[in-house]
Amino acid sequence: MTIEQTVTEEGLRKLKEELNYLKVEKRKENVEAIRTALSFGDISENSEYDEAKNEQAKTESRIVELEETLRSVKVVSDSEIQTDYVSVGSIVKVYDREFEEEIDYTIVGSTEANPAENKISDLSPIGKALMGHTSGDTVSALTPGGAVRLKIIEITRQPLHKEEKNGRT
């Protein structure tokens, strides 16, 4: 059973770039590593060969995973992102009551999450708590670091790219 994943246009582009890299460049690197390891002779006790084959298997597994994801992905167009409530693609400015600070979170699909860049998944505890809420709402979420209370200050989206404004994509 395939689970539909939501991604932004940027997330879709990154998934396609990774797939292309794996198919075009990484596969060549894997073949070369195997060829080099085979040149060492007997493969029965050849750790370089084993490692090269393991790396090739990881690459092929990731290719299959990405292809499956791309078949079932739901893309949220930049122009479809709402600003009257939190949804995938929203940039949400919140006030963290415990730390008394404002934080901007970008709500993304799970394949795009990057907490270091404050890109949080719609399936994460904070992402789930924010989804569907509007400016002025206060939400609570139970995170691995403990309970948090956030007041939504503002909901925005990335500005449309110049080409999209002109009707070209």
Protein backbone atom coordinates (compact mmCIF):
# COMPACT_ATOMS: atom_id res chain seq x y z
CA MET A 1 0.00 0.00 0.00
CA THR A 2 1.33 3.41 -1.00
CA ILE A 3 1.01 6.32 1.40
CA GLU A 4 0.49 9.69 -0.25
CA GLN A 5 3.07 12.25 0.86
CA THR A 6 2.61 15.98 0.55
CA VAL A 7 5.50 18.09 -0.70
CA THR A 8 6.03 21.66 -1.80
CA GLU A 9 7.28 22.48 -5.29
CA GLU A 10 10.77 22.94 -3.83
CA GLY A 11 10.54 19.53 -2.16
CA LEU A 12 9.50 17.89 -5.43
CA ARG A 13 12.45 19.51 -7.21
CA LYS A 14 14.87 18.21 -4.55
CA LEU A 15 13.45 14.66 -4.74
CA LYS A 16 13.85 14.65 -8.52
CA GLU A 17 17.39 16.03 -8.25
CA GLU A 18 18.36 13.30 -5.77
CA LEU A 19 16.86 10.59 -7.98
CA ASN A 20 18.70 11.93 -11.02
CA TYR A 21 22.00 12.08 -9.08
CA LEU A 22 21.61 8.49 -7.89
CA LYS A 23 20.73 7.16 -11.34
CA VAL A 24 23.31 9.11 -13.31
CA GLU A 25 26.31 9.67 -11.04
CA LYS A 26 26.05 7.36 -8.01
CA ARG A 27 25.41 4.25 -10.12
CA LYS A 28 28.58 4.99 -12.11
CA GLU A 29 30.53 5.45 -8.89
CA ASN A 30 29.19 2.11 -7.60
CA VAL A 31 30.19 0.29 -10.79
CA GLU A 32 33.68 1.80 -10.67
CA ALA A 33 34.10 0.85 -6.99
CA ILE A 34 33.07 -2.74 -7.76
CA ARG A 35 35.42 -2.85 -10.76
CA THR A 36 38.30 -1.58 -8.63
CA ALA A 37 37.54 -4.08 -5.84
CA LEU A 38 37.42 -6.95 -8.36
CA SER A 39 40.89 -6.00 -9.56
CA PHE A 40 42.21 -6.98 -6.12
CA GLY A 41 41.52 -10.62 -6.95
CA ASP A 42 39.67 -13.25 -4.92
CA ILE A 43 36.29 -11.86 -3.82
CA SER A 44 35.75 -14.45 -1.07
CA GLU A 45 37.78 -12.36 1.41
CA ASN A 46 37.64 -9.00 -0.33
CA SER A 47 36.20 -6.40 2.07
CA GLU A 48 36.41 -3.66 -0.59
CA TYR A 49 34.19 -5.76 -2.87
CA ASP A 50 31.70 -6.42 -0.06
CA GLU A 51 31.55 -2.71 0.80
CA ALA A 52 31.12 -1.72 -2.85
CA LYS A 53 28.26 -4.22 -3.28
CA ASN A 54 26.62 -2.99 -0.07
CA GLU A 55 26.86 0.60 -1.28
CA GLN A 56 25.35 -0.41 -4.61
CA ALA A 57 22.45 -2.11 -2.80
CA LYS A 58 21.83 1.04 -0.70
CA THR A 59 21.81 3.18 -3.84
CA GLU A 60 19.36 0.89 -5.63
CA SER A 61 17.14 0.73 -2.56
CA ARG A 62 17.03 4.54 -2.32
CA ILE A 63 16.22 4.79 -6.04
CA VAL A 64 13.24 2.46 -5.57
CA GLU A 65 12.13 4.44 -2.51
CA LEU A 66 12.33 7.77 -4.37
CA GLU A 67 10.49 6.41 -7.41
CA GLU A 68 7.71 5.11 -5.16
CA THR A 69 7.50 8.44 -3.36
CA LEU A 70 7.35 10.37 -6.64
CA ARG A 71 4.52 8.13 -7.91
CA SER A 72 2.38 8.89 -4.88
CA VAL A 73 3.37 12.45 -4.06
CA LYS A 74 0.85 15.26 -3.74
CA VAL A 75 2.42 18.58 -4.71
CA VAL A 76 1.24 21.76 -3.06
CA SER A 77 1.78 24.53 -5.58
CA ASP A 78 3.28 27.73 -4.20
CA SER A 79 0.24 29.65 -5.47
CA GLU A 80 -2.14 27.28 -3.60
CA ILE A 81 -0.62 27.90 -0.16
CA GLN A 82 -3.14 29.62 2.07
CA THR A 83 -2.32 32.40 4.51
CA ASP A 84 -5.59 32.41 6.47
CA TYR A 85 -4.79 29.06 8.14
CA VAL A 86 -1.73 26.85 8.60
CA SER A 87 -1.15 24.28 5.85
CA VAL A 88 1.78 22.59 4.14
CA GLY A 89 3.91 25.37 2.67
CA SER A 90 2.90 27.96 5.28
CA ILE A 91 5.49 30.02 7.08
CA VAL A 92 4.19 30.39 10.62
CA LYS A 93 5.51 33.01 13.03
CA VAL A 94 4.79 31.81 16.56
CA TYR A 95 5.50 33.07 20.04
CA ASP A 96 6.96 30.39 22.31
CA ARG A 97 5.58 31.20 25.76
CA GLU A 98 8.17 29.18 27.69
CA PHE A 99 11.25 30.68 26.02
CA GLU A 100 9.58 34.06 25.41
CA GLU A 101 10.76 34.23 21.81
CA GLU A 102 9.35 34.39 18.30
CA ILE A 103 10.13 31.56 15.90
CA ASP A 104 9.35 31.15 12.20
CA TYR A 105 8.48 27.61 11.16
CA THR A 106 7.96 26.49 7.58
CA ILE A 107 5.49 23.62 7.45
CA VAL A 108 6.62 21.01 4.92
CA GLY A 109 5.93 17.40 4.02
CA SER A 110 7.87 14.74 5.91
CA THR A 111 10.41 14.24 3.11
CA GLU A 112 11.42 17.92 3.31
CA ALA A 113 11.74 18.33 7.08
CA ASN A 114 14.95 19.97 8.27
CA PRO A 115 14.72 21.15 11.88
CA ALA A 116 18.05 23.00 11.59
CA GLU A 117 16.34 25.30 9.05
CA ASN A 118 13.05 25.38 11.05
CA LYS A 119 11.38 23.35 8.30
CA ILE A 120 9.09 21.06 10.26
CA SER A 121 6.93 18.24 9.00
CA ASP A 122 3.17 18.50 9.03
CA LEU A 123 3.34 15.13 10.81
CA SER A 124 5.68 16.28 13.61
CA PRO A 125 4.15 17.11 17.00
CA ILE A 126 4.43 20.88 16.48
CA GLY A 127 3.43 20.64 12.81
CA LYS A 128 0.31 18.61 13.68
CA ALA A 129 -0.61 21.07 16.42
CA LEU A 130 -0.31 24.07 14.06
CA MET A 131 -2.11 22.57 11.04
CA GLY A 132 -5.47 24.18 10.33
CA HIS A 133 -5.13 26.90 12.97
CA THR A 134 -5.28 30.63 12.32
CA SER A 135 -3.49 33.76 13.53
CA GLY A 136 -4.22 34.44 17.18
CA ASP A 137 -4.72 30.76 18.08
CA THR A 138 -2.65 29.18 20.81
CA VAL A 139 -1.70 25.53 20.36
CA SER A 140 -0.04 22.96 22.57
CA ALA A 141 2.13 20.07 21.49
CA LEU A 142 3.90 17.30 23.34
CA THR A 143 7.41 17.05 21.88
CA PRO A 144 10.34 14.81 22.85
CA GLY A 145 11.70 17.85 24.73
CA GLY A 146 8.45 18.33 26.65
CA ALA A 147 5.20 20.22 26.26
CA VAL A 148 5.21 23.49 24.30
CA ARG A 149 2.62 26.25 23.97
CA LEU A 150 2.79 28.42 20.89
CA LYS A 151 0.72 31.43 19.93
CA ILE A 152 0.35 31.91 16.16
CA ILE A 153 1.28 35.48 15.32
CA GLU A 154 1.30 35.41 11.51
CA ILE A 155 0.88 33.02 8.60
CA THR A 156 2.62 33.80 5.32
CA ARG A 157 4.11 31.99 2.35
CA GLN A 158 7.25 32.32 0.28
CA PRO A 159 6.90 35.03 -2.35
CA LEU A 160 6.08 33.56 -5.75
CA HIS A 161 9.05 33.19 -8.06
CA LYS A 162 9.34 35.87 -10.74
CA GLU A 163 8.52 33.38 -13.53
CA GLU A 164 5.33 32.31 -11.72
CA LYS A 165 4.20 35.91 -11.29
CA ASN A 166 4.49 36.37 -15.05
CA GLY A 167 2.46 33.23 -15.70
CA ARG A 168 5.46 31.06 -16.61
CA THR A 169 6.69 28.10 -14.56
